[in-house]
Amino acid sequence: MDAKEYIAAFDEVKADFEKSVAEFGLPFEAKETQLRETRVFVAEQCGCHCENGNASLWLNWISPACVACRTGERTATFFTSLKCSRHCYFCFNPNQEDYEYWLSHKRDIAGELREAHAAGAGFDCLAITGGEPLLFKSDVYAFLDAARELYPQAHVRLYTCGDFLDDACLAELRDRGLDEIRFSVKLDGDEALAPEHARTLDAIERAVAFIPDVMVEMPVGPHDGLAMKELLVRLDAMGVRGVNLLEFGFPLCNAEAFTERGLELRQNPYPILYNYWYAGGLPIAGSEAECLELMRFAAERGLKLGVHYCSLDNKNTGQIYQQNKGFLFDKAFAAAYGWLHFDEEDYFLKCVKVVGDDASAILGWALGEDSATVERDAMNERVAAGERSAANGQSVAAEPDMESERVVTVEQAVENERNAAGEQATANEAPSVAVRFVDYDESTQMVAFPCAWLSDARKAFPTVDFIESLNVVELDDSGMPVVREVDARIAL
């Protein structure tokens, strides 16, 4: 097996995925028309921020809730019910668990928040959604009261279509401390929707006088450009704080409605193919191009409101962060997979692999068999002391020397961490299992080592094809964490 054969296995997974998606009735575009690399170029053109692995672009202002959403840390969304006054063909609520039940039942969202607080949960951002949450105004008010009592500093937002907003309701929301309200505006090229559209815009304009941050959040179809530009100008004139332009998603249902509109799925729907929790579906071809053009338009026109392009990629990063964040805090687990590192850009756990005939040669190099033995003990002593001697005799902060620090044990890793924190180990705490910074599987001729060593590896083995491996932490049947490889590509 060589690198190309190893990577080809993941291409087969992609082909099987596309075949299964085709059964839902909406085809993929024949060729990918919008490369993700374009996002960086557009950001440079517009002078806007390009963040979260280039999945989130924003100009002027972005809601703190959107920033928190990237990792899912200290943020939670509560829905009253899935009952709604609108019937959007692209709605993904049918994908929600127990959808039919929650169409006719509601949740005690204030009670759920109090239970979370009693269990010790901490929140900086809270959201109320539906369905349409204002079908149950008293429940929304009770939640806001509980939020202000339990989490007085939290940023609280509400999603609504605006059908049930009047000045009395807006005053209640304001007085109970709502920070942000997000309206959904539906554009579908249907003149019959004109009265509904006008009613929503009227509710948005009235909300500006009551709520600190008024936003519009809506998916953008590939043919919505002209109407969206007019809408952005109008919202800016109203004093709306910001707009979230969402990449349009196919929720794997209602394919007939998408087909009637000539819509297709985006090729390469995910940068990394995985089982994502977000129910929004797969991206529609052409949606991102339209959103990026709207970013350009807002910059060129000098609009004051915040404009944020939220790709479906952006919606999925919180899941990967939450699955892999334990790697940052469980030092023993991290030491057991010492060849992996947590990538701050996309939150995957990564390493470099070599497969086939080159693996055994790389293993010897990676273990530093020629020079590591003498140097390693000295390095461990310096790391444990919290400093490393520099060539000029001064002390500098200790950093692992990846050339000499090729092998580490769990015991050493845990002890070093305690020393850095000023703690001492007790006799029964330190694991005794030896774990290396290198993983080697002789039966499959594969070796893995940290990405930080790649530059040196290339110098030592210029003809070898190195593989970048991407991994996530999952729970096995017994609830124990295990590492699963989800993608591999030639390391750049």
Protein backbone atom coordinates (compact mmCIF):
# COMPACT_ATOMS: atom_id res chain seq x y z
CA MET A 1 0.00 0.00 0.00
CA ASP A 2 1.23 3.51 -0.83
CA ALA A 3 -0.07 6.98 0.08
CA LYS A 4 -2.39 7.24 -2.93
CA GLU A 5 -3.98 3.88 -2.17
CA TYR A 6 -4.45 4.86 1.49
CA ILE A 7 -6.17 8.12 0.55
CA ALA A 8 -8.30 6.38 -2.09
CA ALA A 9 -10.19 4.57 0.67
CA PHE A 10 -11.65 7.91 1.77
CA ASP A 11 -12.59 8.74 -1.83
CA GLU A 12 -14.64 5.54 -1.86
CA VAL A 13 -16.48 6.70 1.27
CA LYS A 14 -17.29 9.96 -0.51
CA ALA A 15 -18.63 8.10 -3.55
CA ASP A 16 -20.86 5.94 -1.35
CA PHE A 17 -22.11 9.07 0.43
CA GLU A 18 -23.05 10.78 -2.82
CA LYS A 19 -24.85 7.65 -3.98
CA SER A 20 -26.91 7.51 -0.78
CA VAL A 21 -27.76 11.22 -0.96
CA ALA A 22 -29.02 10.79 -4.52
CA GLU A 23 -31.84 8.66 -3.12
CA PHE A 24 -33.36 11.82 -1.58
CA GLY A 25 -34.15 13.10 -5.07
CA LEU A 26 -31.93 16.15 -5.61
CA PRO A 27 -28.82 15.78 -7.80
CA PHE A 28 -25.36 17.24 -7.26
CA GLU A 29 -24.11 19.88 -9.66
CA ALA A 30 -21.99 18.31 -12.41
CA LYS A 31 -18.88 20.28 -11.44
CA GLU A 32 -18.00 22.28 -8.35
CA THR A 33 -18.71 25.89 -9.32
CA GLN A 34 -17.63 27.59 -6.09
CA LEU A 35 -14.26 26.71 -4.56
CA ARG A 36 -13.91 27.42 -0.85
CA GLU A 37 -10.61 29.17 -1.48
CA THR A 38 -12.62 32.04 -3.00
CA ARG A 39 -13.70 33.09 0.48
CA VAL A 40 -10.23 34.36 1.35
CA PHE A 41 -10.01 36.31 -1.92
CA VAL A 42 -13.40 37.95 -1.34
CA ALA A 43 -12.47 38.81 2.24
CA GLU A 44 -9.35 40.58 1.01
CA GLN A 45 -11.40 42.47 -1.60
CA CYS A 46 -14.00 43.59 0.95
CA GLY A 47 -11.68 44.21 3.85
CA CYS A 48 -13.84 41.90 5.95
CA HIS A 49 -12.93 39.32 8.54
CA CYS A 50 -12.43 35.72 7.40
CA GLU A 51 -12.48 33.43 10.44
CA ASN A 52 -13.18 29.96 11.83
CA GLY A 53 -11.21 28.10 9.19
CA ASN A 54 -12.44 30.57 6.54
CA ALA A 55 -16.01 29.39 7.12
CA SER A 56 -17.27 32.67 8.60
CA LEU A 57 -16.93 36.06 6.87
CA TRP A 58 -18.18 39.28 8.42
CA LEU A 59 -18.14 43.01 7.84
CA ASN A 60 -18.72 45.85 10.36
CA TRP A 61 -20.24 43.80 13.20
CA ILE A 62 -20.97 40.22 14.22
CA SER A 63 -23.24 39.04 17.03
CA PRO A 64 -21.38 37.60 20.04
CA ALA A 65 -23.74 34.64 19.77
CA CYS A 66 -22.36 33.86 16.30
CA VAL A 67 -18.81 33.85 17.66
CA ALA A 68 -19.83 31.54 20.52
CA CYS A 69 -21.56 29.21 18.04
CA ARG A 70 -18.24 28.33 16.40
CA THR A 71 -17.19 26.16 19.34
CA GLY A 72 -20.50 25.71 21.15
CA GLU A 73 -18.83 26.72 24.43
CA ARG A 74 -21.11 28.13 27.14
CA THR A 75 -24.00 28.53 24.73
CA ALA A 76 -27.38 26.78 24.42
CA THR A 77 -30.57 27.03 22.38
CA PHE A 78 -34.02 26.14 23.76
CA PHE A 79 -37.11 25.61 21.59
CA THR A 80 -40.65 26.10 22.82
CA SER A 81 -42.28 23.87 20.20
CA LEU A 82 -41.84 23.03 16.53
CA LYS A 83 -45.25 24.48 15.70
CA CYS A 84 -44.95 27.39 13.25
CA SER A 85 -47.18 29.87 11.44
CA ARG A 86 -45.11 29.66 8.25
CA HIS A 87 -44.59 26.79 5.82
CA CYS A 88 -41.15 27.35 4.27
CA TYR A 89 -40.29 24.65 1.74
CA PHE A 90 -36.67 24.62 2.94
CA CYS A 91 -37.46 24.21 6.65
CA PHE A 92 -35.22 21.61 8.30
CA ASN A 93 -37.32 21.10 11.43
CA PRO A 94 -38.73 17.82 10.01
CA ASN A 95 -35.22 16.46 10.65
CA GLN A 96 -35.48 17.22 14.36
CA GLU A 97 -35.92 14.34 16.76
CA ASP A 98 -39.59 13.62 17.59
CA TYR A 99 -40.73 16.26 15.10
CA GLU A 100 -44.35 15.14 14.94
CA TYR A 101 -44.64 15.09 18.71
CA TRP A 102 -43.28 18.61 19.16
CA LEU A 103 -45.66 19.97 16.53
CA SER A 104 -48.47 19.51 19.03
CA HIS A 105 -46.61 19.70 22.36
CA LYS A 106 -44.44 22.32 23.96
CA ARG A 107 -41.46 22.30 26.30
CA ASP A 108 -41.03 24.02 29.63
CA ILE A 109 -38.01 26.02 28.52
CA ALA A 110 -37.79 28.08 31.72
CA GLY A 111 -37.86 24.86 33.74
CA GLU A 112 -35.18 23.33 31.52
CA LEU A 113 -32.97 26.37 32.07
CA ARG A 114 -33.39 26.13 35.83
CA GLU A 115 -32.52 22.43 35.72
CA ALA A 116 -29.37 23.21 33.73
CA HIS A 117 -28.38 25.85 36.26
CA ALA A 118 -28.97 23.48 39.18
CA ALA A 119 -26.72 20.93 37.43
CA GLY A 120 -23.92 23.51 37.31
CA ALA A 121 -24.13 24.57 33.65
CA GLY A 122 -22.64 27.96 32.81
CA PHE A 123 -23.86 30.02 29.87
CA ASP A 124 -22.72 33.22 28.18
CA CYS A 125 -25.20 32.98 25.28
CA LEU A 126 -28.78 31.71 25.33
CA ALA A 127 -31.34 31.46 22.54
CA ILE A 128 -35.09 30.85 22.21
CA THR A 129 -36.33 29.35 18.97
CA GLY A 130 -39.06 27.15 17.52
CA GLY A 131 -41.10 26.62 15.38
CA GLU A 132 -42.36 30.06 16.14
CA PRO A 133 -41.66 30.76 19.83
CA LEU A 134 -44.03 33.74 20.05
CA LEU A 135 -46.96 31.39 19.62
CA PHE A 136 -46.24 30.86 23.35
CA LYS A 137 -45.44 34.34 24.61
CA SER A 138 -45.86 33.56 28.29
CA ASP A 139 -43.28 30.77 27.99
CA VAL A 140 -40.85 33.15 26.30
CA TYR A 141 -41.36 35.76 29.04
CA ALA A 142 -40.81 33.13 31.76
CA PHE A 143 -37.59 32.02 30.11
CA LEU A 144 -36.30 35.59 29.92
CA ASP A 145 -37.09 36.11 33.59
CA ALA A 146 -35.24 32.93 34.51
CA ALA A 147 -32.28 33.88 32.31
CA ARG A 148 -31.94 37.29 33.95
CA GLU A 149 -32.19 35.74 37.40
CA LEU A 150 -29.76 32.85 36.84
CA TYR A 151 -27.43 34.26 34.18
CA PRO A 152 -27.67 38.06 34.44
CA GLN A 153 -24.63 38.65 32.18
CA ALA A 154 -25.69 36.22 29.43
CA HIS A 155 -26.49 37.44 25.93
CA VAL A 156 -30.06 36.30 25.15
CA ARG A 157 -31.58 36.22 21.66
CA LEU A 158 -34.95 35.26 20.16
CA TYR A 159 -35.74 33.89 16.70
CA THR A 160 -39.07 34.85 15.12
CA CYS A 161 -40.85 35.37 11.82
CA GLY A 162 -42.50 38.45 13.34
CA ASP A 163 -46.12 37.38 12.79
CA PHE A 164 -47.05 37.82 16.46
CA LEU A 165 -45.05 40.91 17.33
CA ASP A 166 -46.76 44.12 18.34
CA ASP A 167 -45.56 47.04 20.44
CA ALA A 168 -46.88 45.47 23.66
CA CYS A 169 -44.92 42.28 23.02
CA LEU A 170 -41.79 44.20 22.07
CA ALA A 171 -42.04 46.20 25.29
CA GLU A 172 -42.30 42.98 27.31
CA LEU A 173 -39.25 41.54 25.56
CA ARG A 174 -37.30 44.72 26.17
CA ASP A 175 -38.27 45.01 29.82
CA ARG A 176 -37.32 41.38 30.45
CA GLY A 177 -33.86 42.00 29.08
CA LEU A 178 -33.84 40.53 25.56
CA ASP A 179 -30.53 41.51 23.92
CA GLU A 180 -31.13 40.45 20.36
CA ILE A 181 -34.03 39.52 18.10
CA ARG A 182 -33.52 37.70 14.80
CA PHE A 183 -36.13 37.84 12.05
CA SER A 184 -36.53 35.38 9.23
CA VAL A 185 -37.36 37.02 5.89
CA LYS A 186 -38.67 34.74 3.17
CA LEU A 187 -37.78 35.49 -0.47
CA ASP A 188 -39.19 33.10 -3.02
CA GLY A 189 -40.10 35.21 -6.04
CA ASP A 190 -43.81 34.75 -5.35
CA GLU A 191 -46.01 37.87 -5.55
CA ALA A 192 -48.51 36.16 -3.26
CA LEU A 193 -45.95 36.53 -0.48
CA ALA A 194 -45.84 40.32 -0.82
CA PRO A 195 -48.27 41.05 2.07
CA GLU A 196 -46.45 38.62 4.36
CA HIS A 197 -43.12 40.15 3.37
CA ALA A 198 -44.37 43.67 4.08
CA ARG A 199 -45.67 42.57 7.48
CA THR A 200 -42.28 41.13 8.42
CA LEU A 201 -40.45 44.31 7.36
CA ASP A 202 -42.89 46.39 9.41
CA ALA A 203 -42.19 44.23 12.48
CA ILE A 204 -38.44 44.63 11.94
CA GLU A 205 -38.68 48.39 11.72
CA ARG A 206 -40.76 48.62 14.90
CA ALA A 207 -38.38 46.30 16.77
CA VAL A 208 -35.45 48.70 16.20
CA ALA A 209 -37.05 51.11 18.70
CA PHE A 210 -37.24 48.44 21.43
CA ILE A 211 -34.49 45.82 21.21
CA PRO A 212 -30.75 46.64 21.33
CA ASP A 213 -29.70 44.37 18.46
CA VAL A 214 -32.19 43.70 15.67
CA MET A 215 -31.03 41.19 13.08
CA VAL A 216 -32.26 39.41 9.99
CA GLU A 217 -31.12 35.81 9.49
CA MET A 218 -32.09 34.03 6.30
CA PRO A 219 -30.87 31.48 3.77
CA VAL A 220 -29.84 32.98 0.44
CA GLY A 221 -30.81 31.12 -2.72
CA PRO A 222 -28.71 31.23 -5.88
CA HIS A 223 -31.25 33.49 -7.60
CA ASP A 224 -31.94 35.90 -4.73
CA GLY A 225 -29.17 38.39 -5.44
CA LEU A 226 -31.13 41.37 -6.73
CA ALA A 227 -33.87 41.15 -4.10
CA MET A 228 -31.26 40.67 -1.37
CA LYS A 229 -29.34 43.78 -2.39
CA GLU A 230 -32.53 45.83 -2.18
CA LEU A 231 -33.27 44.27 1.21
CA LEU A 232 -29.80 45.06 2.58
CA VAL A 233 -30.13 48.71 1.60
CA ARG A 234 -33.56 48.94 3.19
CA LEU A 235 -32.51 47.23 6.41
CA ASP A 236 -29.49 49.50 6.67
CA ALA A 237 -31.74 52.55 6.38
CA MET A 238 -33.98 51.15 9.16
CA GLY A 239 -31.05 50.94 11.57
CA VAL A 240 -30.96 47.13 11.71
CA ARG A 241 -27.79 45.99 13.51
CA GLY A 242 -26.87 43.06 11.30
CA VAL A 243 -27.75 40.39 8.75
CA ASN A 244 -26.75 36.73 8.78
CA LEU A 245 -26.56 35.42 5.23
CA LEU A 246 -26.95 31.66 5.54
CA GLU A 247 -25.74 29.18 2.96
CA PHE A 248 -28.94 27.64 1.61
CA GLY A 249 -29.43 24.02 2.64
CA PHE A 250 -31.41 21.06 1.31
CA PRO A 251 -32.87 19.29 4.37
CA LEU A 252 -33.03 15.90 2.62
CA CYS A 253 -36.78 16.21 2.20
CA ASN A 254 -39.26 18.05 -0.05
CA ALA A 255 -37.02 17.51 -3.08
CA GLU A 256 -39.85 18.36 -5.49
CA ALA A 257 -39.93 21.97 -4.33
CA PHE A 258 -36.17 22.31 -4.83
CA THR A 259 -36.33 20.66 -8.25
CA GLU A 260 -39.14 22.99 -9.37
CA ARG A 261 -36.82 25.91 -8.65
CA GLY A 262 -33.96 24.38 -10.62
CA LEU A 263 -31.77 23.87 -7.56
CA GLU A 264 -28.95 21.35 -7.22
CA LEU A 265 -26.62 20.23 -4.45
CA ARG A 266 -23.15 21.66 -4.14
CA GLN A 267 -20.31 19.35 -5.14
CA ASN A 268 -18.00 18.60 -2.20
CA PRO A 269 -20.72 19.61 0.29
CA TYR A 270 -18.36 19.21 3.26
CA PRO A 271 -14.62 19.93 3.38
CA ILE A 272 -14.39 16.85 5.61
CA LEU A 273 -17.06 14.20 5.18
CA TYR A 274 -18.50 13.22 8.55
CA ASN A 275 -21.76 12.52 10.34
CA TYR A 276 -22.63 16.07 11.39
CA TRP A 277 -25.42 16.74 13.86
CA TYR A 278 -26.62 20.02 12.38
CA ALA A 279 -30.01 19.40 10.82
CA GLY A 280 -29.74 22.11 8.16
CA GLY A 281 -28.94 19.63 5.42
CA LEU A 282 -26.56 19.84 2.46
CA PRO A 283 -25.56 23.10 0.74
CA ILE A 284 -27.26 24.22 -2.45
CA ALA A 285 -25.02 25.01 -5.42
CA GLY A 286 -24.71 28.73 -6.10
CA SER A 287 -25.79 29.90 -2.65
CA GLU A 288 -22.29 30.69 -1.44
CA ALA A 289 -21.44 32.62 -4.60
CA GLU A 290 -24.52 34.79 -4.04
CA CYS A 291 -23.63 35.39 -0.39
CA LEU A 292 -20.07 36.40 -1.25
CA GLU A 293 -21.37 38.81 -3.88
CA LEU A 294 -23.60 40.37 -1.22
CA MET A 295 -20.53 40.81 0.99
CA ARG A 296 -18.87 42.69 -1.86
CA PHE A 297 -21.98 44.77 -2.42
CA ALA A 298 -22.26 45.79 1.24
CA ALA A 299 -18.61 46.86 1.29
CA GLU A 300 -18.83 48.79 -1.97
CA ARG A 301 -22.00 50.61 -0.90
CA GLY A 302 -20.55 51.43 2.51
CA LEU A 303 -23.49 49.93 4.39
CA LYS A 304 -23.29 50.39 8.15
CA LEU A 305 -25.05 47.23 9.29
CA GLY A 306 -23.09 44.09 10.08
CA VAL A 307 -23.09 41.53 7.28
CA HIS A 308 -22.09 37.96 8.14
CA TYR A 309 -21.83 35.06 5.74
CA CYS A 310 -22.42 31.87 7.72
CA SER A 311 -21.56 28.85 5.60
CA LEU A 312 -22.81 25.38 6.42
CA ASP A 313 -19.18 24.56 7.15
CA ASN A 314 -19.39 27.17 9.92
CA LYS A 315 -22.43 25.42 11.39
CA ASN A 316 -20.49 22.18 11.85
CA THR A 317 -17.35 23.36 13.61
CA GLY A 318 -18.98 23.45 17.04
CA GLN A 319 -19.60 19.70 16.89
CA ILE A 320 -15.98 18.90 16.08
CA TYR A 321 -14.77 21.23 18.82
CA GLN A 322 -17.07 19.66 21.40
CA GLN A 323 -16.02 16.13 20.43
CA ASN A 324 -12.31 16.92 20.48
CA LYS A 325 -11.99 19.49 23.27
CA GLY A 326 -11.43 16.76 25.86
CA PHE A 327 -8.07 16.22 24.19
CA LEU A 328 -7.04 19.64 25.53
CA PHE A 329 -7.96 18.89 29.13
CA ASP A 330 -7.47 15.14 29.62
CA LYS A 331 -3.70 15.04 29.75
CA ALA A 332 -3.45 11.29 30.18
CA PHE A 333 -5.68 10.69 27.14
CA ALA A 334 -3.69 13.20 25.09
CA ALA A 335 -0.44 11.55 26.11
CA ALA A 336 -1.85 8.19 25.03
CA TYR A 337 -2.18 9.70 21.53
CA GLY A 338 0.95 11.82 21.70
CA TRP A 339 1.36 11.90 17.92
CA LEU A 340 -1.89 13.90 17.58
CA HIS A 341 -2.39 17.62 18.07
CA PHE A 342 -5.53 19.76 18.30
CA ASP A 343 -5.73 22.12 15.30
CA GLU A 344 -6.96 25.54 16.43
CA GLU A 345 -8.20 26.33 12.91
CA ASP A 346 -10.70 23.54 12.28
CA TYR A 347 -10.61 21.64 15.64
CA PHE A 348 -9.66 18.27 14.14
CA LEU A 349 -6.94 16.15 15.75
CA LYS A 350 -4.11 15.81 13.25
CA CYS A 351 -0.89 13.93 12.68
CA VAL A 352 1.38 12.90 9.83
CA LYS A 353 1.42 9.33 8.52
CA VAL A 354 3.68 7.32 6.27
CA VAL A 355 2.52 4.01 4.82
CA GLY A 356 4.09 1.16 2.94
CA ASP A 357 7.77 0.38 2.47
CA ASP A 358 8.92 3.75 3.82
CA ALA A 359 7.24 3.25 7.19
CA SER A 360 10.02 1.24 8.82
CA ALA A 361 12.69 3.75 7.81
CA ILE A 362 10.57 6.63 9.08
CA LEU A 363 10.00 4.79 12.35
CA GLY A 364 13.70 4.64 13.10
CA TRP A 365 14.05 8.33 12.31
CA ALA A 366 10.97 9.30 14.33
CA LEU A 367 12.19 7.45 17.41
CA GLY A 368 15.54 9.22 17.08
CA GLU A 369 17.40 5.99 17.63
CA ASP A 370 20.66 7.57 16.62
CA SER A 371 20.78 10.42 19.16
CA ALA A 372 17.69 10.64 21.31
CA THR A 373 18.69 8.41 24.23
CA VAL A 374 21.30 10.72 25.73
CA GLU A 375 19.41 13.95 25.03
CA ARG A 376 16.00 12.78 26.20
CA ASP A 377 16.79 12.48 29.90
CA ALA A 378 18.28 15.96 29.98
CA MET A 379 15.28 17.40 28.16
CA ASN A 380 12.79 15.75 30.53
CA GLU A 381 14.67 17.15 33.48
CA ARG A 382 14.55 20.68 32.02
CA VAL A 383 10.85 20.42 31.12
CA ALA A 384 10.04 19.21 34.65
CA ALA A 385 11.96 22.20 36.05
CA GLY A 386 9.97 24.52 33.79
CA GLU A 387 12.96 25.90 31.91
CA ARG A 388 15.50 25.06 29.22
CA SER A 389 19.09 26.19 29.02
CA ALA A 390 19.84 28.44 26.08
CA ALA A 391 23.15 28.47 24.28
CA ASN A 392 24.15 31.76 25.86
CA GLY A 393 23.63 30.49 29.41
CA GLN A 394 20.32 32.32 30.00
CA SER A 395 17.07 30.54 30.90
CA VAL A 396 14.08 30.53 28.56
CA ALA A 397 10.60 28.96 28.82
CA ALA A 398 10.76 25.24 28.25
CA GLU A 399 9.53 23.96 24.90
CA PRO A 400 9.65 20.35 23.72
CA ASP A 401 12.53 19.78 21.32
CA MET A 402 10.84 17.50 18.80
CA GLU A 403 14.18 16.25 17.46
CA SER A 404 15.33 14.88 20.79
CA GLU A 405 12.04 14.44 22.67
CA ARG A 406 10.88 11.54 20.50
CA VAL A 407 9.50 9.31 23.24
CA VAL A 408 7.38 10.21 26.24
CA THR A 409 5.48 8.16 28.80
CA VAL A 410 2.07 8.92 30.22
CA GLU A 411 3.69 9.18 33.62
CA GLN A 412 6.16 11.78 32.37
CA ALA A 413 3.45 13.79 30.60
CA VAL A 414 1.22 13.90 33.68
CA GLU A 415 4.15 14.68 35.97
CA ASN A 416 5.37 17.49 33.72
CA GLU A 417 1.87 18.98 33.66
CA ARG A 418 1.68 18.90 37.47
CA ASN A 419 5.11 20.45 37.79
CA ALA A 420 4.10 23.27 35.46
CA ALA A 421 1.04 23.89 37.65
CA GLY A 422 3.07 23.68 40.87
CA GLU A 423 1.44 20.44 41.96
CA GLN A 424 2.87 17.15 43.19
CA ALA A 425 1.74 13.70 42.18
CA THR A 426 0.31 11.26 44.68
CA ALA A 427 1.42 7.68 44.59
CA ASN A 428 -1.74 6.26 43.04
CA GLU A 429 -2.39 8.90 40.36
CA ALA A 430 0.33 8.42 37.78
CA PRO A 431 -0.36 5.85 35.04
CA SER A 432 2.45 3.43 34.37
CA VAL A 433 1.77 2.54 30.73
CA ALA A 434 4.51 3.75 28.38
CA VAL A 435 3.19 5.66 25.38
CA ARG A 436 5.23 7.07 22.53
CA PHE A 437 4.98 10.21 20.45
CA VAL A 438 5.05 7.72 17.57
CA ASP A 439 2.38 5.22 16.58
CA TYR A 440 3.48 2.21 14.54
CA ASP A 441 1.42 -0.60 13.08
CA GLU A 442 3.73 -3.26 11.72
CA SER A 443 0.94 -5.36 10.18
CA THR A 444 -0.23 -2.52 7.93
CA GLN A 445 3.19 -0.84 7.59
CA MET A 446 2.06 2.50 8.90
CA VAL A 447 3.74 5.03 11.19
CA ALA A 448 2.24 8.23 12.63
CA PHE A 449 4.07 11.15 14.22
CA PRO A 450 3.33 14.80 15.17
CA CYS A 451 2.77 17.39 12.44
CA ALA A 452 5.46 19.54 14.07
CA TRP A 453 8.06 17.08 12.79
CA LEU A 454 6.97 17.27 9.14
CA SER A 455 9.51 19.86 8.05
CA ASP A 456 12.41 17.84 9.44
CA ALA A 457 10.94 14.65 7.99
CA ARG A 458 10.82 16.17 4.51
CA LYS A 459 14.50 17.11 4.77
CA ALA A 460 15.43 13.62 5.87
CA PHE A 461 13.19 11.82 3.33
CA PRO A 462 12.59 14.15 0.34
CA THR A 463 11.05 11.45 -1.87
CA VAL A 464 8.47 10.15 0.64
CA ASP A 465 4.76 11.00 0.29
CA PHE A 466 3.61 12.20 3.69
CA ILE A 467 -0.08 11.98 4.63
CA GLU A 468 -2.00 14.44 6.81
CA SER A 469 -4.47 12.48 8.95
CA LEU A 470 -7.62 14.10 10.44
CA ASN A 471 -9.32 12.52 13.44
CA VAL A 472 -12.20 12.95 15.88
CA VAL A 473 -12.90 11.56 19.32
CA GLU A 474 -15.97 9.35 19.56
CA LEU A 475 -17.43 7.23 22.33
CA ASP A 476 -17.47 3.47 21.95
CA ASP A 477 -20.34 1.22 23.06
CA SER A 478 -19.09 1.30 26.63
CA GLY A 479 -18.90 5.10 26.67
CA MET A 480 -15.10 5.24 26.50
CA PRO A 481 -13.41 7.77 24.19
CA VAL A 482 -11.71 6.42 21.08
CA VAL A 483 -10.02 8.20 18.18
CA ARG A 484 -11.42 7.73 14.67
CA GLU A 485 -9.70 8.81 11.48
CA VAL A 486 -12.15 10.61 9.18
CA ASP A 487 -9.99 11.90 6.35
CA ALA A 488 -6.49 11.77 4.88
CA ARG A 489 -4.77 13.82 2.20
CA ILE A 490 -1.26 14.41 0.91
CA ALA A 491 0.43 16.72 3.42
CA LEU A 492 1.23 20.12 1.93
